[in-house]
Amino acid sequence: MPASLFGLVVFAAAVGPGHVFLRIAERWTPRSDRSTLREAAELVVVGATSTAIALLVVVSLGNWTGFLDPEQIVANRTTYIVREPVSSLVVLLLVLALSYGAAAICAYLIYTPLRVPRSQRKHHRPNDTIWYSALSRDLPDGHAVWATVEMGDRRQISGLLRAFPTHEKDRHDLALAAPIGGQILVEDEKGNSSTLNSDRVILQETDIRSIYVRYQPLATE
């Protein structure tokens, strides 16, 4: 087996199941910020464990059915693949399928039923920020976000949402735009209305008190 192909197989077997497990876990439960080293360790530990168990199961079944001869594999491991390419390929595919499948099923069983009611699973995204959930994920198809932002001086600025942060660590600034054929609206604390002679306005997080959101259908021709 070429060294590059062997390395790819080892990587897929050692890291792949761990990646599947952690991504499913993140889908259902909040995950704290982790260092790159810690996440890599989790990937390798979960992946290697899943693959080792899968390999043990496949080899045991192969020995029991007579499809594999573990003694021959151990004694002639460098030439066994060349002499038995079909059985080697079948074992490889079975081990990968079993390890990936077991990692996915374990993650689902561990994190889903006990934490999330069945009726809520479709929309459950614990790692989404509040901003992303309200301003993007929950937005119906064919709609835009019309946002009214209350500022620290009690003014309310309204316009179409054009940009917002997607990560908690980002600055929580907002960009509003004037709708086609319209303008950005401003209302002061006394209820006096005016407009901005601008196509875009960027509102800094330090000036924002609250945000009111309306999902507005897009105009159709």
N, C-alpha and C. Protein backbone atom coordinates (compact mmCIF):
# COMPACT_ATOMS: atom_id res chain seq x y z
N MET A 1 0.85 -1.20 0.00
CA MET A 1 0.00 0.00 0.00
C MET A 1 0.89 1.24 0.00
N PRO A 2 0.67 2.19 -0.93
CA PRO A 2 1.46 3.41 -0.96
C PRO A 2 1.40 4.14 0.37
N ALA A 3 2.52 4.80 0.71
CA ALA A 3 2.61 5.48 2.01
C ALA A 3 1.53 6.55 2.14
N SER A 4 1.27 7.29 1.05
CA SER A 4 0.27 8.36 1.12
C SER A 4 -1.13 7.80 1.37
N LEU A 5 -1.46 6.67 0.72
CA LEU A 5 -2.76 6.05 0.92
C LEU A 5 -2.87 5.48 2.33
N PHE A 6 -1.79 4.88 2.80
CA PHE A 6 -1.78 4.34 4.16
C PHE A 6 -1.99 5.45 5.19
N GLY A 7 -1.32 6.58 4.97
CA GLY A 7 -1.49 7.71 5.89
C GLY A 7 -2.91 8.23 5.89
N LEU A 8 -3.53 8.26 4.71
CA LEU A 8 -4.92 8.72 4.61
C LEU A 8 -5.86 7.78 5.35
N VAL A 9 -5.63 6.48 5.22
CA VAL A 9 -6.47 5.49 5.90
C VAL A 9 -6.32 5.62 7.42
N VAL A 10 -5.08 5.76 7.88
CA VAL A 10 -4.84 5.91 9.32
C VAL A 10 -5.50 7.17 9.85
N PHE A 11 -5.39 8.25 9.10
CA PHE A 11 -6.01 9.51 9.52
C PHE A 11 -7.54 9.37 9.60
N ALA A 12 -8.12 8.77 8.57
CA ALA A 12 -9.57 8.59 8.55
C ALA A 12 -10.05 7.71 9.69
N ALA A 13 -9.25 6.70 10.02
CA ALA A 13 -9.64 5.77 11.07
C ALA A 13 -9.43 6.36 12.46
N ALA A 14 -8.37 7.16 12.64
CA ALA A 14 -8.04 7.67 13.96
C ALA A 14 -8.79 8.95 14.32
N VAL A 15 -9.10 9.79 13.32
CA VAL A 15 -9.67 11.10 13.59
C VAL A 15 -11.14 11.19 13.14
N GLY A 16 -11.48 10.54 12.05
CA GLY A 16 -12.82 10.68 11.48
C GLY A 16 -13.96 10.38 12.44
N PRO A 17 -13.97 9.23 13.11
CA PRO A 17 -15.07 8.96 14.04
C PRO A 17 -15.18 9.99 15.16
N GLY A 18 -14.03 10.47 15.63
CA GLY A 18 -14.05 11.51 16.65
C GLY A 18 -14.67 12.79 16.15
N HIS A 19 -14.39 13.13 14.90
CA HIS A 19 -14.98 14.33 14.31
C HIS A 19 -16.50 14.18 14.23
N VAL A 20 -16.98 13.03 13.80
CA VAL A 20 -18.42 12.79 13.72
C VAL A 20 -19.06 12.90 15.10
N PHE A 21 -18.45 12.29 16.10
CA PHE A 21 -18.99 12.31 17.46
C PHE A 21 -19.09 13.73 17.99
N LEU A 22 -18.03 14.51 17.85
CA LEU A 22 -18.02 15.87 18.41
C LEU A 22 -18.97 16.80 17.67
N ARG A 23 -19.08 16.64 16.35
CA ARG A 23 -20.00 17.51 15.61
C ARG A 23 -21.45 17.23 16.01
N ILE A 24 -21.80 15.96 16.22
CA ILE A 24 -23.16 15.64 16.66
C ILE A 24 -23.38 16.16 18.08
N ALA A 25 -22.38 16.04 18.93
CA ALA A 25 -22.51 16.55 20.29
C ALA A 25 -22.73 18.05 20.29
N GLU A 26 -22.01 18.77 19.43
CA GLU A 26 -22.18 20.22 19.33
C GLU A 26 -23.55 20.59 18.80
N ARG A 27 -24.11 19.70 18.01
CA ARG A 27 -25.44 19.96 17.45
C ARG A 27 -26.52 20.01 18.53
N TRP A 28 -26.30 19.27 19.61
CA TRP A 28 -27.34 19.13 20.62
C TRP A 28 -27.01 19.76 21.97
N THR A 29 -25.75 20.01 22.25
CA THR A 29 -25.40 20.56 23.56
C THR A 29 -24.40 21.70 23.40
N PRO A 30 -24.46 22.70 24.26
CA PRO A 30 -23.48 23.80 24.20
C PRO A 30 -22.08 23.27 24.44
N ARG A 31 -21.13 23.79 23.68
CA ARG A 31 -19.74 23.39 23.84
C ARG A 31 -18.92 24.61 24.20
N SER A 32 -18.18 24.53 25.30
CA SER A 32 -17.34 25.65 25.71
C SER A 32 -16.18 25.81 24.74
N ASP A 33 -15.59 27.01 24.73
CA ASP A 33 -14.43 27.26 23.88
C ASP A 33 -13.28 26.35 24.32
N ARG A 34 -12.67 25.71 23.33
CA ARG A 34 -11.57 24.81 23.63
C ARG A 34 -10.36 25.18 22.81
N SER A 35 -9.18 24.88 23.35
CA SER A 35 -7.95 25.12 22.60
C SER A 35 -7.85 24.12 21.46
N THR A 36 -7.04 24.47 20.47
CA THR A 36 -6.84 23.56 19.34
C THR A 36 -6.27 22.23 19.80
N LEU A 37 -5.38 22.28 20.78
CA LEU A 37 -4.75 21.05 21.28
C LEU A 37 -5.78 20.16 21.96
N ARG A 38 -6.67 20.76 22.75
CA ARG A 38 -7.69 19.96 23.44
C ARG A 38 -8.66 19.33 22.46
N GLU A 39 -9.07 20.09 21.45
CA GLU A 39 -9.99 19.52 20.47
C GLU A 39 -9.33 18.41 19.68
N ALA A 40 -8.05 18.59 19.33
CA ALA A 40 -7.33 17.54 18.60
C ALA A 40 -7.23 16.28 19.45
N ALA A 41 -6.99 16.46 20.76
CA ALA A 41 -6.90 15.30 21.64
C ALA A 41 -8.24 14.57 21.72
N GLU A 42 -9.34 15.32 21.78
CA GLU A 42 -10.66 14.69 21.80
C GLU A 42 -10.92 13.92 20.52
N LEU A 43 -10.55 14.50 19.39
CA LEU A 43 -10.75 13.82 18.11
C LEU A 43 -10.01 12.49 18.08
N VAL A 44 -8.74 12.51 18.51
CA VAL A 44 -7.92 11.31 18.42
C VAL A 44 -8.39 10.25 19.42
N VAL A 45 -8.71 10.67 20.65
CA VAL A 45 -9.13 9.70 21.67
C VAL A 45 -10.42 9.00 21.26
N VAL A 46 -11.42 9.80 20.88
CA VAL A 46 -12.71 9.21 20.49
C VAL A 46 -12.55 8.39 19.21
N GLY A 47 -11.83 8.94 18.23
CA GLY A 47 -11.66 8.24 16.96
C GLY A 47 -10.89 6.95 17.10
N ALA A 48 -9.77 6.98 17.82
CA ALA A 48 -8.95 5.78 17.98
C ALA A 48 -9.69 4.72 18.78
N THR A 49 -10.44 5.13 19.80
CA THR A 49 -11.19 4.17 20.60
C THR A 49 -12.27 3.49 19.76
N SER A 50 -13.02 4.29 18.99
CA SER A 50 -14.07 3.73 18.13
C SER A 50 -13.49 2.75 17.12
N THR A 51 -12.38 3.15 16.51
CA THR A 51 -11.79 2.29 15.48
C THR A 51 -11.21 1.01 16.08
N ALA A 52 -10.60 1.13 17.25
CA ALA A 52 -10.04 -0.06 17.89
C ALA A 52 -11.14 -1.07 18.24
N ILE A 53 -12.25 -0.58 18.76
CA ILE A 53 -13.37 -1.47 19.08
C ILE A 53 -13.94 -2.09 17.81
N ALA A 54 -14.09 -1.26 16.77
CA ALA A 54 -14.61 -1.77 15.50
C ALA A 54 -13.69 -2.83 14.91
N LEU A 55 -12.39 -2.59 14.98
CA LEU A 55 -11.42 -3.57 14.46
C LEU A 55 -11.51 -4.88 15.22
N LEU A 56 -11.64 -4.79 16.53
CA LEU A 56 -11.75 -6.01 17.35
C LEU A 56 -13.00 -6.80 16.97
N VAL A 57 -14.11 -6.08 16.77
CA VAL A 57 -15.37 -6.75 16.42
C VAL A 57 -15.26 -7.42 15.05
N VAL A 58 -14.72 -6.69 14.07
CA VAL A 58 -14.63 -7.22 12.70
C VAL A 58 -13.69 -8.42 12.64
N VAL A 59 -12.54 -8.32 13.29
CA VAL A 59 -11.59 -9.43 13.28
C VAL A 59 -12.17 -10.65 13.99
N SER A 60 -12.87 -10.43 15.10
CA SER A 60 -13.49 -11.55 15.83
C SER A 60 -14.54 -12.23 14.98
N LEU A 61 -15.39 -11.44 14.32
CA LEU A 61 -16.40 -12.02 13.44
C LEU A 61 -15.76 -12.72 12.25
N GLY A 62 -14.70 -12.11 11.69
CA GLY A 62 -14.03 -12.74 10.56
C GLY A 62 -13.39 -14.06 10.93
N ASN A 63 -12.83 -14.13 12.13
CA ASN A 63 -12.23 -15.38 12.60
C ASN A 63 -13.31 -16.42 12.87
N TRP A 64 -14.44 -15.98 13.43
CA TRP A 64 -15.53 -16.90 13.74
C TRP A 64 -16.16 -17.49 12.48
N THR A 65 -16.27 -16.67 11.44
CA THR A 65 -16.88 -17.13 10.19
C THR A 65 -15.88 -17.80 9.26
N GLY A 66 -14.58 -17.69 9.58
CA GLY A 66 -13.56 -18.26 8.72
C GLY A 66 -13.14 -17.34 7.58
N PHE A 67 -13.66 -16.12 7.56
CA PHE A 67 -13.31 -15.19 6.50
C PHE A 67 -11.90 -14.64 6.68
N LEU A 68 -11.46 -14.56 7.94
CA LEU A 68 -10.13 -14.06 8.24
C LEU A 68 -9.37 -15.08 9.07
N ASP A 69 -8.04 -14.98 8.93
CA ASP A 69 -7.15 -15.81 9.76
C ASP A 69 -6.24 -14.87 10.53
N PRO A 70 -6.61 -14.48 11.76
CA PRO A 70 -5.82 -13.51 12.52
C PRO A 70 -4.36 -13.93 12.69
N GLU A 71 -4.10 -15.24 12.82
CA GLU A 71 -2.72 -15.69 12.98
C GLU A 71 -1.89 -15.38 11.75
N GLN A 72 -2.48 -15.54 10.56
CA GLN A 72 -1.78 -15.22 9.33
C GLN A 72 -1.54 -13.72 9.22
N ILE A 73 -2.52 -12.95 9.65
CA ILE A 73 -2.36 -11.49 9.59
C ILE A 73 -1.20 -11.04 10.46
N VAL A 74 -1.12 -11.59 11.68
CA VAL A 74 -0.05 -11.21 12.60
C VAL A 74 1.30 -11.69 12.10
N ALA A 75 1.35 -12.91 11.57
CA ALA A 75 2.62 -13.49 11.14
C ALA A 75 3.12 -12.88 9.84
N ASN A 76 2.19 -12.48 8.94
CA ASN A 76 2.60 -11.95 7.63
C ASN A 76 1.90 -10.62 7.35
N ARG A 77 1.93 -9.73 8.32
CA ARG A 77 1.17 -8.48 8.17
C ARG A 77 1.68 -7.60 7.05
N THR A 78 2.96 -7.73 6.67
CA THR A 78 3.48 -6.88 5.60
C THR A 78 3.07 -7.36 4.21
N THR A 79 2.77 -8.63 4.07
CA THR A 79 2.42 -9.18 2.76
C THR A 79 0.97 -9.63 2.67
N TYR A 80 0.26 -9.61 3.78
CA TYR A 80 -1.11 -10.13 3.79
C TYR A 80 -2.01 -9.33 2.86
N ILE A 81 -1.85 -8.01 2.84
CA ILE A 81 -2.70 -7.17 1.99
C ILE A 81 -2.48 -7.51 0.52
N VAL A 82 -1.23 -7.77 0.15
CA VAL A 82 -0.94 -8.10 -1.25
C VAL A 82 -1.52 -9.46 -1.61
N ARG A 83 -1.42 -10.41 -0.69
CA ARG A 83 -1.90 -11.76 -0.98
C ARG A 83 -3.42 -11.88 -0.87
N GLU A 84 -4.03 -11.04 -0.02
CA GLU A 84 -5.48 -11.11 0.19
C GLU A 84 -6.09 -9.72 0.03
N PRO A 85 -6.04 -9.15 -1.18
CA PRO A 85 -6.54 -7.78 -1.34
C PRO A 85 -8.04 -7.62 -1.11
N VAL A 86 -8.82 -8.63 -1.51
CA VAL A 86 -10.28 -8.53 -1.37
C VAL A 86 -10.67 -8.53 0.10
N SER A 87 -10.18 -9.51 0.84
CA SER A 87 -10.53 -9.59 2.26
C SER A 87 -9.99 -8.39 3.03
N SER A 88 -8.82 -7.89 2.63
CA SER A 88 -8.25 -6.72 3.30
C SER A 88 -9.12 -5.49 3.06
N LEU A 89 -9.60 -5.34 1.84
CA LEU A 89 -10.46 -4.20 1.52
C LEU A 89 -11.80 -4.30 2.25
N VAL A 90 -12.35 -5.50 2.31
CA VAL A 90 -13.62 -5.70 3.01
C VAL A 90 -13.46 -5.36 4.49
N VAL A 91 -12.38 -5.81 5.09
CA VAL A 91 -12.13 -5.53 6.50
C VAL A 91 -11.99 -4.02 6.73
N LEU A 92 -11.25 -3.37 5.86
CA LEU A 92 -11.05 -1.93 5.99
C LEU A 92 -12.38 -1.18 5.93
N LEU A 93 -13.18 -1.52 4.94
CA LEU A 93 -14.47 -0.83 4.78
C LEU A 93 -15.41 -1.11 5.96
N LEU A 94 -15.42 -2.36 6.42
CA LEU A 94 -16.26 -2.70 7.56
C LEU A 94 -15.82 -1.97 8.83
N VAL A 95 -14.53 -1.90 9.05
CA VAL A 95 -14.02 -1.21 10.24
C VAL A 95 -14.37 0.27 10.20
N LEU A 96 -14.17 0.91 9.05
CA LEU A 96 -14.49 2.33 8.94
C LEU A 96 -15.99 2.57 9.11
N ALA A 97 -16.79 1.75 8.44
CA ALA A 97 -18.25 1.93 8.55
C ALA A 97 -18.72 1.73 9.98
N LEU A 98 -18.21 0.70 10.64
CA LEU A 98 -18.63 0.40 12.01
C LEU A 98 -18.16 1.48 12.97
N SER A 99 -16.94 1.96 12.80
CA SER A 99 -16.41 2.97 13.73
C SER A 99 -17.14 4.30 13.56
N TYR A 100 -17.38 4.73 12.33
CA TYR A 100 -18.12 5.98 12.09
C TYR A 100 -19.56 5.85 12.57
N GLY A 101 -20.19 4.72 12.23
CA GLY A 101 -21.57 4.53 12.64
C GLY A 101 -21.72 4.45 14.15
N ALA A 102 -20.80 3.76 14.81
CA ALA A 102 -20.87 3.64 16.27
C ALA A 102 -20.66 4.99 16.93
N ALA A 103 -19.74 5.80 16.39
CA ALA A 103 -19.50 7.13 16.96
C ALA A 103 -20.74 8.00 16.83
N ALA A 104 -21.39 7.96 15.67
CA ALA A 104 -22.60 8.76 15.46
C ALA A 104 -23.74 8.30 16.36
N ILE A 105 -23.95 7.00 16.45
CA ILE A 105 -25.04 6.48 17.28
C ILE A 105 -24.81 6.78 18.75
N CYS A 106 -23.58 6.61 19.22
CA CYS A 106 -23.27 6.89 20.62
C CYS A 106 -23.50 8.37 20.94
N ALA A 107 -23.04 9.25 20.06
CA ALA A 107 -23.24 10.68 20.30
C ALA A 107 -24.72 11.02 20.34
N TYR A 108 -25.47 10.45 19.43
CA TYR A 108 -26.91 10.72 19.39
C TYR A 108 -27.60 10.21 20.64
N LEU A 109 -27.27 8.99 21.06
CA LEU A 109 -27.91 8.42 22.24
C LEU A 109 -27.53 9.15 23.52
N ILE A 110 -26.29 9.61 23.58
CA ILE A 110 -25.82 10.28 24.80
C ILE A 110 -26.41 11.67 24.94
N TYR A 111 -26.47 12.40 23.83
CA TYR A 111 -26.79 13.83 23.94
C TYR A 111 -28.22 14.20 23.56
N THR A 112 -28.89 13.39 22.75
CA THR A 112 -30.18 13.85 22.23
C THR A 112 -31.39 13.55 23.11
N PRO A 113 -31.77 12.32 23.34
CA PRO A 113 -33.06 12.04 23.98
C PRO A 113 -33.18 12.63 25.39
N LEU A 114 -32.08 12.62 26.16
CA LEU A 114 -32.16 13.05 27.54
C LEU A 114 -32.21 14.56 27.69
N ARG A 115 -31.81 15.29 26.67
CA ARG A 115 -31.67 16.73 26.80
C ARG A 115 -32.68 17.52 25.97
N VAL A 116 -33.11 16.97 24.87
CA VAL A 116 -33.94 17.74 23.95
C VAL A 116 -35.24 16.99 23.67
N PRO A 117 -36.40 17.55 24.03
CA PRO A 117 -37.67 16.91 23.68
C PRO A 117 -37.80 16.73 22.17
N ARG A 118 -38.47 15.66 21.76
CA ARG A 118 -38.59 15.36 20.33
C ARG A 118 -39.21 16.52 19.56
N SER A 119 -40.18 17.21 20.16
CA SER A 119 -40.86 18.30 19.47
C SER A 119 -39.95 19.50 19.21
N GLN A 120 -38.81 19.57 19.93
CA GLN A 120 -37.92 20.73 19.80
C GLN A 120 -36.66 20.43 18.99
N ARG A 121 -36.49 19.18 18.57
CA ARG A 121 -35.21 18.80 17.97
C ARG A 121 -34.95 19.48 16.63
N LYS A 122 -36.00 19.75 15.87
CA LYS A 122 -35.81 20.33 14.54
C LYS A 122 -35.15 21.69 14.62
N HIS A 123 -35.49 22.50 15.63
CA HIS A 123 -34.99 23.86 15.72
C HIS A 123 -33.96 24.05 16.82
N HIS A 124 -33.52 22.96 17.44
CA HIS A 124 -32.59 23.08 18.56
C HIS A 124 -31.17 23.31 18.05
N ARG A 125 -30.60 24.46 18.37
CA ARG A 125 -29.23 24.78 17.99
C ARG A 125 -28.55 25.47 19.17
N PRO A 126 -28.07 24.72 20.16
CA PRO A 126 -27.56 25.35 21.38
C PRO A 126 -26.32 26.19 21.18
N ASN A 127 -25.56 25.95 20.12
CA ASN A 127 -24.33 26.70 19.93
C ASN A 127 -24.50 27.93 19.05
N ASP A 128 -25.70 28.14 18.55
CA ASP A 128 -25.97 29.38 17.82
C ASP A 128 -26.04 30.54 18.80
N THR A 129 -25.52 31.68 18.40
CA THR A 129 -25.66 32.87 19.23
C THR A 129 -27.09 33.38 19.14
N ILE A 130 -27.49 34.18 20.12
CA ILE A 130 -28.82 34.79 20.09
C ILE A 130 -28.97 35.63 18.82
N TRP A 131 -27.93 36.32 18.45
CA TRP A 131 -27.97 37.18 17.26
C TRP A 131 -28.23 36.34 16.01
N TYR A 132 -27.48 35.25 15.87
CA TYR A 132 -27.63 34.43 14.68
C TYR A 132 -29.01 33.77 14.63
N SER A 133 -29.50 33.30 15.78
CA SER A 133 -30.81 32.66 15.82
C SER A 133 -31.92 33.60 15.38
N ALA A 134 -31.92 34.82 15.96
CA ALA A 134 -33.01 35.76 15.68
C ALA A 134 -32.89 36.44 14.33
N LEU A 135 -31.66 36.67 13.88
CA LEU A 135 -31.45 37.49 12.69
C LEU A 135 -31.17 36.69 11.42
N SER A 136 -30.97 35.39 11.56
CA SER A 136 -30.67 34.60 10.36
C SER A 136 -31.37 33.25 10.36
N ARG A 137 -31.10 32.39 11.35
CA ARG A 137 -31.60 31.02 11.31
C ARG A 137 -33.12 30.95 11.30
N ASP A 138 -33.77 31.81 12.08
CA ASP A 138 -35.22 31.78 12.17
C ASP A 138 -35.92 32.57 11.07
N LEU A 139 -35.14 33.18 10.19
CA LEU A 139 -35.71 34.00 9.13
C LEU A 139 -36.42 33.11 8.10
N PRO A 140 -37.71 33.31 7.86
CA PRO A 140 -38.41 32.49 6.87
C PRO A 140 -37.87 32.74 5.46
N ASP A 141 -38.01 31.77 4.59
CA ASP A 141 -37.61 31.94 3.20
C ASP A 141 -38.40 33.08 2.56
N GLY A 142 -37.72 33.84 1.72
CA GLY A 142 -38.39 34.93 1.02
C GLY A 142 -38.66 36.14 1.89
N HIS A 143 -37.95 36.27 3.00
CA HIS A 143 -38.13 37.39 3.91
C HIS A 143 -36.79 38.08 4.18
N ALA A 144 -36.89 39.32 4.59
CA ALA A 144 -35.73 40.08 5.04
C ALA A 144 -35.98 40.54 6.46
N VAL A 145 -34.92 40.92 7.17
CA VAL A 145 -35.05 41.39 8.54
C VAL A 145 -35.17 42.91 8.56
N TRP A 146 -36.30 43.39 9.05
CA TRP A 146 -36.46 44.83 9.29
C TRP A 146 -36.20 45.05 10.78
N ALA A 147 -35.13 45.77 11.09
CA ALA A 147 -34.71 45.95 12.47
C ALA A 147 -34.92 47.39 12.93
N THR A 148 -35.46 47.52 14.11
CA THR A 148 -35.57 48.82 14.77
C THR A 148 -34.65 48.78 15.99
N VAL A 149 -33.65 49.61 15.98
CA VAL A 149 -32.63 49.60 17.02
C VAL A 149 -32.82 50.80 17.94
N GLU A 150 -33.01 50.52 19.22
CA GLU A 150 -33.11 51.60 20.20
C GLU A 150 -31.72 51.94 20.69
N MET A 151 -31.34 53.21 20.56
CA MET A 151 -30.01 53.66 20.93
C MET A 151 -29.99 54.14 22.38
N GLY A 152 -28.80 54.40 22.87
CA GLY A 152 -28.64 54.85 24.24
C GLY A 152 -29.32 56.17 24.53
N ASP A 153 -29.46 57.04 23.52
CA ASP A 153 -30.13 58.33 23.71
C ASP A 153 -31.64 58.24 23.44
N ARG A 154 -32.17 57.02 23.37
CA ARG A 154 -33.60 56.74 23.17
C ARG A 154 -34.08 56.93 21.74
N ARG A 155 -33.22 57.28 20.83
CA ARG A 155 -33.63 57.31 19.42
C ARG A 155 -33.84 55.89 18.94
N GLN A 156 -34.73 55.74 17.96
CA GLN A 156 -34.94 54.45 17.33
C GLN A 156 -34.62 54.59 15.84
N ILE A 157 -33.70 53.74 15.38
CA ILE A 157 -33.26 53.77 13.98
C ILE A 157 -33.73 52.48 13.33
N SER A 158 -34.43 52.61 12.20
CA SER A 158 -35.02 51.44 11.54
C SER A 158 -34.52 51.31 10.12
N GLY A 159 -34.26 50.07 9.71
CA GLY A 159 -33.83 49.80 8.34
C GLY A 159 -33.68 48.31 8.13
N LEU A 160 -33.33 47.93 6.92
CA LEU A 160 -33.10 46.52 6.60
C LEU A 160 -31.74 46.09 7.14
N LEU A 161 -31.73 44.97 7.81
CA LEU A 161 -30.48 44.47 8.36
C LEU A 161 -29.56 43.99 7.25
N ARG A 162 -28.30 44.44 7.29
CA ARG A 162 -27.36 44.04 6.26
C ARG A 162 -26.16 43.28 6.81
N ALA A 163 -25.79 43.49 8.06
CA ALA A 163 -24.64 42.78 8.63
C ALA A 163 -24.78 42.74 10.14
N PHE A 164 -24.31 41.62 10.72
CA PHE A 164 -24.36 41.45 12.17
C PHE A 164 -23.33 40.39 12.55
N PRO A 165 -22.95 40.33 13.84
CA PRO A 165 -21.93 39.36 14.26
C PRO A 165 -22.52 37.95 14.33
N THR A 166 -21.68 36.95 14.06
CA THR A 166 -22.13 35.56 14.14
C THR A 166 -21.43 34.79 15.25
N HIS A 167 -20.45 35.40 15.90
CA HIS A 167 -19.73 34.74 17.00
C HIS A 167 -19.80 35.61 18.24
N GLU A 168 -19.85 34.97 19.39
CA GLU A 168 -19.97 35.71 20.65
C GLU A 168 -18.80 36.66 20.87
N LYS A 169 -17.62 36.28 20.38
CA LYS A 169 -16.44 37.10 20.63
C LYS A 169 -16.35 38.30 19.70
N ASP A 170 -17.17 38.34 18.66
CA ASP A 170 -17.15 39.48 17.74
C ASP A 170 -17.76 40.71 18.39
N ARG A 171 -17.38 41.88 17.88
CA ARG A 171 -18.07 43.10 18.28
C ARG A 171 -19.51 43.02 17.79
N HIS A 172 -20.43 43.42 18.64
CA HIS A 172 -21.84 43.30 18.29
C HIS A 172 -22.35 44.59 17.65
N ASP A 173 -21.70 44.97 16.56
CA ASP A 173 -22.16 46.10 15.76
C ASP A 173 -23.19 45.61 14.75
N LEU A 174 -24.01 46.54 14.27
CA LEU A 174 -25.01 46.22 13.26
C LEU A 174 -24.89 47.19 12.10
N ALA A 175 -25.23 46.70 10.92
CA ALA A 175 -25.30 47.56 9.74
C ALA A 175 -26.72 47.52 9.19
N LEU A 176 -27.34 48.68 9.07
CA LEU A 176 -28.68 48.79 8.50
C LEU A 176 -28.60 49.48 7.15
N ALA A 177 -29.55 49.14 6.27
CA ALA A 177 -29.57 49.72 4.92
C ALA A 177 -30.95 50.26 4.62
N ALA A 178 -30.98 51.25 3.75
CA ALA A 178 -32.26 51.79 3.30
C ALA A 178 -32.89 50.81 2.32
N PRO A 179 -34.19 50.58 2.39
CA PRO A 179 -34.85 49.69 1.43
C PRO A 179 -34.88 50.35 0.05
N ILE A 180 -35.10 49.57 -0.98
CA ILE A 180 -35.17 50.11 -2.33
C ILE A 180 -36.32 51.12 -2.41
N GLY A 181 -36.00 52.29 -2.85
CA GLY A 181 -37.01 53.32 -2.96
C GLY A 181 -37.41 53.94 -1.64
N GLY A 182 -36.69 53.62 -0.55
CA GLY A 182 -37.01 54.17 0.76
C GLY A 182 -35.78 54.71 1.45
N GLN A 183 -35.92 55.00 2.73
CA GLN A 183 -34.82 55.57 3.49
C GLN A 183 -34.76 54.94 4.88
N ILE A 184 -33.63 55.11 5.53
CA ILE A 184 -33.48 54.68 6.91
C ILE A 184 -34.26 55.66 7.79
N LEU A 185 -35.07 55.12 8.69
CA LEU A 185 -35.97 55.93 9.50
C LEU A 185 -35.38 56.18 10.89
N VAL A 186 -35.61 57.38 11.40
CA VAL A 186 -35.14 57.75 12.74
C VAL A 186 -36.30 58.37 13.50
N GLU A 187 -36.47 57.95 14.75
CA GLU A 187 -37.51 58.52 15.61
C GLU A 187 -36.89 58.86 16.96
N ASP A 188 -37.02 60.12 17.40
CA ASP A 188 -36.41 60.50 18.66
C ASP A 188 -37.32 60.12 19.82
N GLU A 189 -36.88 60.41 21.05
CA GLU A 189 -37.62 59.98 22.23
C GLU A 189 -38.97 60.67 22.36
N LYS A 190 -39.18 61.77 21.65
CA LYS A 190 -40.46 62.47 21.70
C LYS A 190 -41.42 62.01 20.60
N GLY A 191 -40.98 61.07 19.77
CA GLY A 191 -41.82 60.56 18.71
C GLY A 191 -41.71 61.31 17.40
N ASN A 192 -40.77 62.25 17.30
CA ASN A 192 -40.55 62.97 16.04
C ASN A 192 -39.79 62.10 15.07
N SER A 193 -40.30 62.01 13.84
CA SER A 193 -39.70 61.13 12.84
C SER A 193 -38.88 61.93 11.83
N SER A 194 -37.83 61.29 11.35
CA SER A 194 -36.99 61.87 10.30
C SER A 194 -36.34 60.72 9.54
N THR A 195 -35.55 61.07 8.55
CA THR A 195 -34.86 60.04 7.78
C THR A 195 -33.39 60.38 7.67
N LEU A 196 -32.60 59.38 7.39
CA LEU A 196 -31.17 59.58 7.17
C LEU A 196 -30.91 59.63 5.67
N ASN A 197 -30.13 60.56 5.27
CA ASN A 197 -29.76 60.68 3.86
C ASN A 197 -28.54 59.81 3.59
N SER A 198 -28.70 58.52 3.85
CA SER A 198 -27.60 57.56 3.70
C SER A 198 -28.16 56.23 3.23
N ASP A 199 -27.33 55.49 2.53
CA ASP A 199 -27.72 54.15 2.09
C ASP A 199 -27.44 53.10 3.17
N ARG A 200 -26.44 53.37 4.02
CA ARG A 200 -26.06 52.44 5.07
C ARG A 200 -25.76 53.23 6.33
N VAL A 201 -25.99 52.57 7.48
CA VAL A 201 -25.57 53.14 8.76
C VAL A 201 -25.06 52.00 9.62
N ILE A 202 -23.93 52.22 10.27
CA ILE A 202 -23.33 51.21 11.15
C ILE A 202 -23.53 51.68 12.59
N LEU A 203 -24.14 50.81 13.40
CA LEU A 203 -24.43 51.14 14.78
C LEU A 203 -23.51 50.33 15.69
N GLN A 204 -22.79 51.01 16.55
CA GLN A 204 -21.82 50.34 17.42
C GLN A 204 -22.50 49.73 18.63
N GLU A 205 -21.97 48.62 19.09
CA GLU A 205 -22.59 47.89 20.20
C GLU A 205 -22.70 48.73 21.46
N THR A 206 -21.77 49.63 21.68
CA THR A 206 -21.80 50.45 22.89
C THR A 206 -22.97 51.42 22.91
N ASP A 207 -23.56 51.69 21.74
CA ASP A 207 -24.67 52.63 21.65
C ASP A 207 -26.03 51.95 21.59
N ILE A 208 -26.06 50.63 21.50
CA ILE A 208 -27.32 49.90 21.31
C ILE A 208 -27.91 49.48 22.66
N ARG A 209 -29.20 49.81 22.85
CA ARG A 209 -29.92 49.37 24.06
C ARG A 209 -30.73 48.11 23.80
N SER A 210 -31.43 48.05 22.69
CA SER A 210 -32.25 46.89 22.36
C SER A 210 -32.54 46.89 20.87
N ILE A 211 -33.00 45.74 20.38
CA ILE A 211 -33.28 45.57 18.96
C ILE A 211 -34.64 44.92 18.81
N TYR A 212 -35.47 45.49 17.94
CA TYR A 212 -36.78 44.92 17.63
C TYR A 212 -36.73 44.43 16.19
N VAL A 213 -37.18 43.21 15.99
CA VAL A 213 -37.03 42.56 14.68
C VAL A 213 -38.39 42.19 14.10
N ARG A 214 -38.56 42.46 12.82
CA ARG A 214 -39.75 42.02 12.09
C ARG A 214 -39.29 41.34 10.80
N TYR A 215 -39.83 40.16 10.54
CA TYR A 215 -39.50 39.46 9.31
C TYR A 215 -40.44 39.97 8.22
N GLN A 216 -39.86 40.65 7.26
CA GLN A 216 -40.65 41.32 6.24
C GLN A 216 -40.54 40.60 4.91
N PRO A 217 -41.67 40.27 4.28
CA PRO A 217 -41.60 39.58 2.97
C PRO A 217 -40.87 40.44 1.94
N LEU A 218 -40.05 39.77 1.14
CA LEU A 218 -39.35 40.48 0.08
C LEU A 218 -40.34 40.86 -1.02
N ALA A 219 -40.09 42.00 -1.62
CA ALA A 219 -40.97 42.44 -2.71
C ALA A 219 -40.77 41.54 -3.91
N THR A 220 -41.86 41.18 -4.57
CA THR A 220 -41.80 40.34 -5.78
C THR A 220 -42.18 41.17 -6.99
N GLU A 221 -41.51 40.83 -8.09
CA GLU A 221 -41.80 41.56 -9.33
C GLU A 221 -43.13 41.11 -9.92
